[in-house]
PDB file of N, CA and C in Angstrom:
ATOM      1  N   UNK A   1      90.281  87.482  73.789  1.00  0.00           N
ATOM      2  CA  UNK A   1      91.517  86.942  74.302  1.00  0.00           C
ATOM      3  C   UNK A   1      91.782  85.538  73.761  1.00  0.00           C
ATOM      4  N   UNK A   2      90.731  84.843  73.351  1.00  0.00           N
ATOM      5  CA  UNK A   2      90.926  83.504  72.793  1.00  0.00           C
ATOM      6  C   UNK A   2      91.787  83.538  71.531  1.00  0.00           C
ATOM      7  N   UNK A   3      91.615  84.547  70.706  1.00  0.00           N
ATOM      8  CA  UNK A   3      92.434  84.681  69.505  1.00  0.00           C
ATOM      9  C   UNK A   3      93.906  84.869  69.882  1.00  0.00           C
ATOM     10  N   UNK A   4      94.163  85.670  70.907  1.00  0.00           N
ATOM     11  CA  UNK A   4      95.540  85.879  71.355  1.00  0.00           C
ATOM     12  C   UNK A   4      96.172  84.580  71.846  1.00  0.00           C
ATOM     13  N   UNK A   5      95.380  83.736  72.521  1.00  0.00           N
ATOM     14  CA  UNK A   5      95.888  82.439  72.965  1.00  0.00           C
ATOM     15  C   UNK A   5      96.306  81.580  71.778  1.00  0.00           C
ATOM     16  N   UNK A   6      95.477  81.592  70.739  1.00  0.00           N
ATOM     17  CA  UNK A   6      95.750  80.758  69.557  1.00  0.00           C
ATOM     18  C   UNK A   6      97.033  81.154  68.844  1.00  0.00           C
ATOM     19  N   UNK A   7      97.358  82.452  68.842  1.00  0.00           N
ATOM     20  CA  UNK A   7      98.540  82.899  68.108  1.00  0.00           C
ATOM     21  C   UNK A   7      99.772  83.048  69.003  1.00  0.00           C
ATOM     22  N   UNK A   8      99.648  82.730  70.304  1.00  0.00           N
ATOM     23  CA  UNK A   8     100.813  82.691  71.181  1.00  0.00           C
ATOM     24  C   UNK A   8     101.164  83.975  71.898  1.00  0.00           C
ATOM     25  N   UNK A   9     100.239  84.919  71.994  1.00  0.00           N
ATOM     26  CA  UNK A   9     100.507  86.157  72.743  1.00  0.00           C
ATOM     27  C   UNK A   9     100.622  85.812  74.225  1.00  0.00           C
ATOM     28  N   UNK A  10     101.640  86.362  74.896  1.00  0.00           N
ATOM     29  CA  UNK A  10     101.871  86.036  76.298  1.00  0.00           C
ATOM     30  C   UNK A  10     101.439  87.128  77.268  1.00  0.00           C
ATOM     31  N   UNK A  11     101.229  88.344  76.763  1.00  0.00           N
ATOM     32  CA  UNK A  11     100.853  89.452  77.636  1.00  0.00           C
ATOM     33  C   UNK A  11      99.945  90.397  76.868  1.00  0.00           C
ATOM     34  N   UNK A  12      98.886  90.870  77.534  1.00  0.00           N
ATOM     35  CA  UNK A  12      97.927  91.788  76.914  1.00  0.00           C
ATOM     36  C   UNK A  12      97.822  93.035  77.778  1.00  0.00           C
ATOM     37  N   UNK A  13      97.848  94.199  77.142  1.00  0.00           N
ATOM     38  CA  UNK A  13      97.620  95.461  77.832  1.00  0.00           C
ATOM     39  C   UNK A  13      96.343  96.057  77.284  1.00  0.00           C
ATOM     40  N   UNK A  14      95.371  96.327  78.133  1.00  0.00           N
ATOM     41  CA  UNK A  14      94.147  97.001  77.734  1.00  0.00           C
ATOM     42  C   UNK A  14      94.249  98.449  78.207  1.00  0.00           C
ATOM     43  N   UNK A  15      94.145  99.377  77.261  1.00  0.00           N
ATOM     44  CA  UNK A  15      94.345 100.794  77.560  1.00  0.00           C
ATOM     45  C   UNK A  15      93.061 101.557  77.278  1.00  0.00           C
ATOM     46  N   UNK A  16      92.607 102.311  78.269  1.00  0.00           N
ATOM     47  CA  UNK A  16      91.441 103.169  78.103  1.00  0.00           C
ATOM     48  C   UNK A  16      91.908 104.618  78.234  1.00  0.00           C
ATOM     49  N   UNK A  17      92.093 105.311  77.106  1.00  0.00           N
ATOM     50  CA  UNK A  17      92.630 106.669  77.160  1.00  0.00           C
ATOM     51  C   UNK A  17      91.670 107.687  77.765  1.00  0.00           C
ATOM     52  N   UNK A  18      90.381 107.369  77.807  1.00  0.00           N
ATOM     53  CA  UNK A  18      89.413 108.320  78.375  1.00  0.00           C
ATOM     54  C   UNK A  18      89.632 108.523  79.855  1.00  0.00           C
ATOM     55  N   UNK A  19      89.951 107.448  80.567  1.00  0.00           N
ATOM     56  CA  UNK A  19      90.170 107.564  82.012  1.00  0.00           C
ATOM     57  C   UNK A  19      91.612 107.236  82.387  1.00  0.00           C
ATOM     58  N   UNK A  20      92.448 107.124  81.377  1.00  0.00           N
ATOM     59  CA  UNK A  20      93.891 106.875  81.526  1.00  0.00           C
ATOM     60  C   UNK A  20      94.146 105.695  82.457  1.00  0.00           C
ATOM     61  N   UNK A  21      93.680 104.525  82.026  1.00  0.00           N
ATOM     62  CA  UNK A  21      93.858 103.287  82.776  1.00  0.00           C
ATOM     63  C   UNK A  21      94.510 102.236  81.893  1.00  0.00           C
ATOM     64  N   UNK A  22      95.430 101.482  82.467  1.00  0.00           N
ATOM     65  CA  UNK A  22      96.064 100.366  81.777  1.00  0.00           C
ATOM     66  C   UNK A  22      95.884  99.128  82.642  1.00  0.00           C
ATOM     67  N   UNK A  23      95.351  98.054  82.051  1.00  0.00           N
ATOM     68  CA  UNK A  23      95.247  96.767  82.733  1.00  0.00           C
ATOM     69  C   UNK A  23      96.150  95.779  82.026  1.00  0.00           C
ATOM     70  N   UNK A  24      96.887  95.004  82.804  1.00  0.00           N
ATOM     71  CA  UNK A  24      97.819  94.037  82.212  1.00  0.00           C
ATOM     72  C   UNK A  24      97.396  92.621  82.578  1.00  0.00           C
ATOM     73  N   UNK A  25      97.324  91.763  81.569  1.00  0.00           N
ATOM     74  CA  UNK A  25      96.971  90.356  81.738  1.00  0.00           C
ATOM     75  C   UNK A  25      98.138  89.510  81.250  1.00  0.00           C
ATOM     76  N   UNK A  26      98.470  88.465  81.993  1.00  0.00           N
ATOM     77  CA  UNK A  26      99.610  87.610  81.698  1.00  0.00           C
ATOM     78  C   UNK A  26      99.112  86.195  81.415  1.00  0.00           C
ATOM     79  N   UNK A  27      99.749  85.534  80.477  1.00  0.00           N
ATOM     80  CA  UNK A  27      99.414  84.153  80.144  1.00  0.00           C
ATOM     81  C   UNK A  27      99.721  83.249  81.333  1.00  0.00           C
ATOM     82  N   UNK A  28      98.762  82.393  81.683  1.00  0.00           N
ATOM     83  CA  UNK A  28      98.924  81.453  82.786  1.00  0.00           C
ATOM     84  C   UNK A  28      99.982  80.408  82.420  1.00  0.00           C
ATOM     85  N   UNK A  29     100.546  79.747  83.417  1.00  0.00           N
ATOM     86  CA  UNK A  29     101.593  78.748  83.194  1.00  0.00           C
ATOM     87  C   UNK A  29     101.139  77.604  82.294  1.00  0.00           C
ATOM     88  N   UNK A  30      99.842  77.290  82.332  1.00  0.00           N
ATOM     89  CA  UNK A  30      99.349  76.201  81.482  1.00  0.00           C
ATOM     90  C   UNK A  30      99.166  76.628  80.026  1.00  0.00           C
ATOM     91  N   UNK A  31      99.259  77.938  79.766  1.00  0.00           N
ATOM     92  CA  UNK A  31      99.134  78.454  78.407  1.00  0.00           C
ATOM     93  C   UNK A  31      97.720  78.431  77.866  1.00  0.00           C
ATOM     94  N   UNK A  32      96.730  78.287  78.753  1.00  0.00           N
ATOM     95  CA  UNK A  32      95.339  78.170  78.311  1.00  0.00           C
ATOM     96  C   UNK A  32      94.461  79.350  78.700  1.00  0.00           C
ATOM     97  N   UNK A  33      94.980  80.262  79.512  1.00  0.00           N
ATOM     98  CA  UNK A  33      94.176  81.403  79.920  1.00  0.00           C
ATOM     99  C   UNK A  33      95.073  82.553  80.375  1.00  0.00           C
ATOM    100  N   UNK A  34      94.482  83.735  80.438  1.00  0.00           N
ATOM    101  CA  UNK A  34      95.176  84.914  80.932  1.00  0.00           C
ATOM    102  C   UNK A  34      94.664  85.228  82.328  1.00  0.00           C
ATOM    103  N   UNK A  35      95.543  85.757  83.166  1.00  0.00           N
ATOM    104  CA  UNK A  35      95.112  86.196  84.480  1.00  0.00           C
ATOM    105  C   UNK A  35      95.467  87.656  84.657  1.00  0.00           C
ATOM    106  N   UNK A  36      94.619  88.359  85.389  1.00  0.00           N
ATOM    107  CA  UNK A  36      94.834  89.780  85.653  1.00  0.00           C
ATOM    108  C   UNK A  36      96.083  89.938  86.500  1.00  0.00           C
ATOM    109  N   UNK A  37      97.004  90.772  86.025  1.00  0.00           N
ATOM    110  CA  UNK A  37      98.260  90.974  86.748  1.00  0.00           C
ATOM    111  C   UNK A  37      98.225  92.260  87.563  1.00  0.00           C
ATOM    112  N   UNK A  38      97.961  93.376  86.912  1.00  0.00           N
ATOM    113  CA  UNK A  38      97.905  94.647  87.620  1.00  0.00           C
ATOM    114  C   UNK A  38      97.254  95.718  86.764  1.00  0.00           C
ATOM    115  N   UNK A  39      97.051  96.889  87.367  1.00  0.00           N
ATOM    116  CA  UNK A  39      96.495  98.011  86.606  1.00  0.00           C
ATOM    117  C   UNK A  39      97.154  99.299  87.092  1.00  0.00           C
ATOM    118  N   UNK A  40      97.138 100.258  86.195  1.00  0.00           N
ATOM    119  CA  UNK A  40      97.690 101.584  86.488  1.00  0.00           C
ATOM    120  C   UNK A  40      96.612 102.593  86.110  1.00  0.00           C
ATOM    121  N   UNK A  41      96.317 103.497  87.019  1.00  0.00           N
ATOM    122  CA  UNK A  41      95.340 104.538  86.719  1.00  0.00           C
ATOM    123  C   UNK A  41      95.941 105.877  87.093  1.00  0.00           C
ATOM    124  N   UNK A  42      95.994 106.791  86.117  1.00  0.00           N
ATOM    125  CA  UNK A  42      96.522 108.116  86.380  1.00  0.00           C
ATOM    126  C   UNK A  42      95.439 108.957  87.049  1.00  0.00           C
ATOM    127  N   UNK A  43      95.813 109.642  88.062  1.00  0.00           N
ATOM    128  CA  UNK A  43      94.842 110.457  88.830  1.00  0.00           C
ATOM    129  C   UNK A  43      94.707 111.828  88.259  1.00  0.00           C
TER     130      UNK A  43
END
């Protein structure tokens, strides 16, 4: 995620197709870290 911070990415989605899960991380207001926003898991 540090590389994404350096290039200005504001949102990251981590997708695991094996268990069909998506986690979303959003850039913090200070622009120095990402925080976990939410996740979606298909049942």
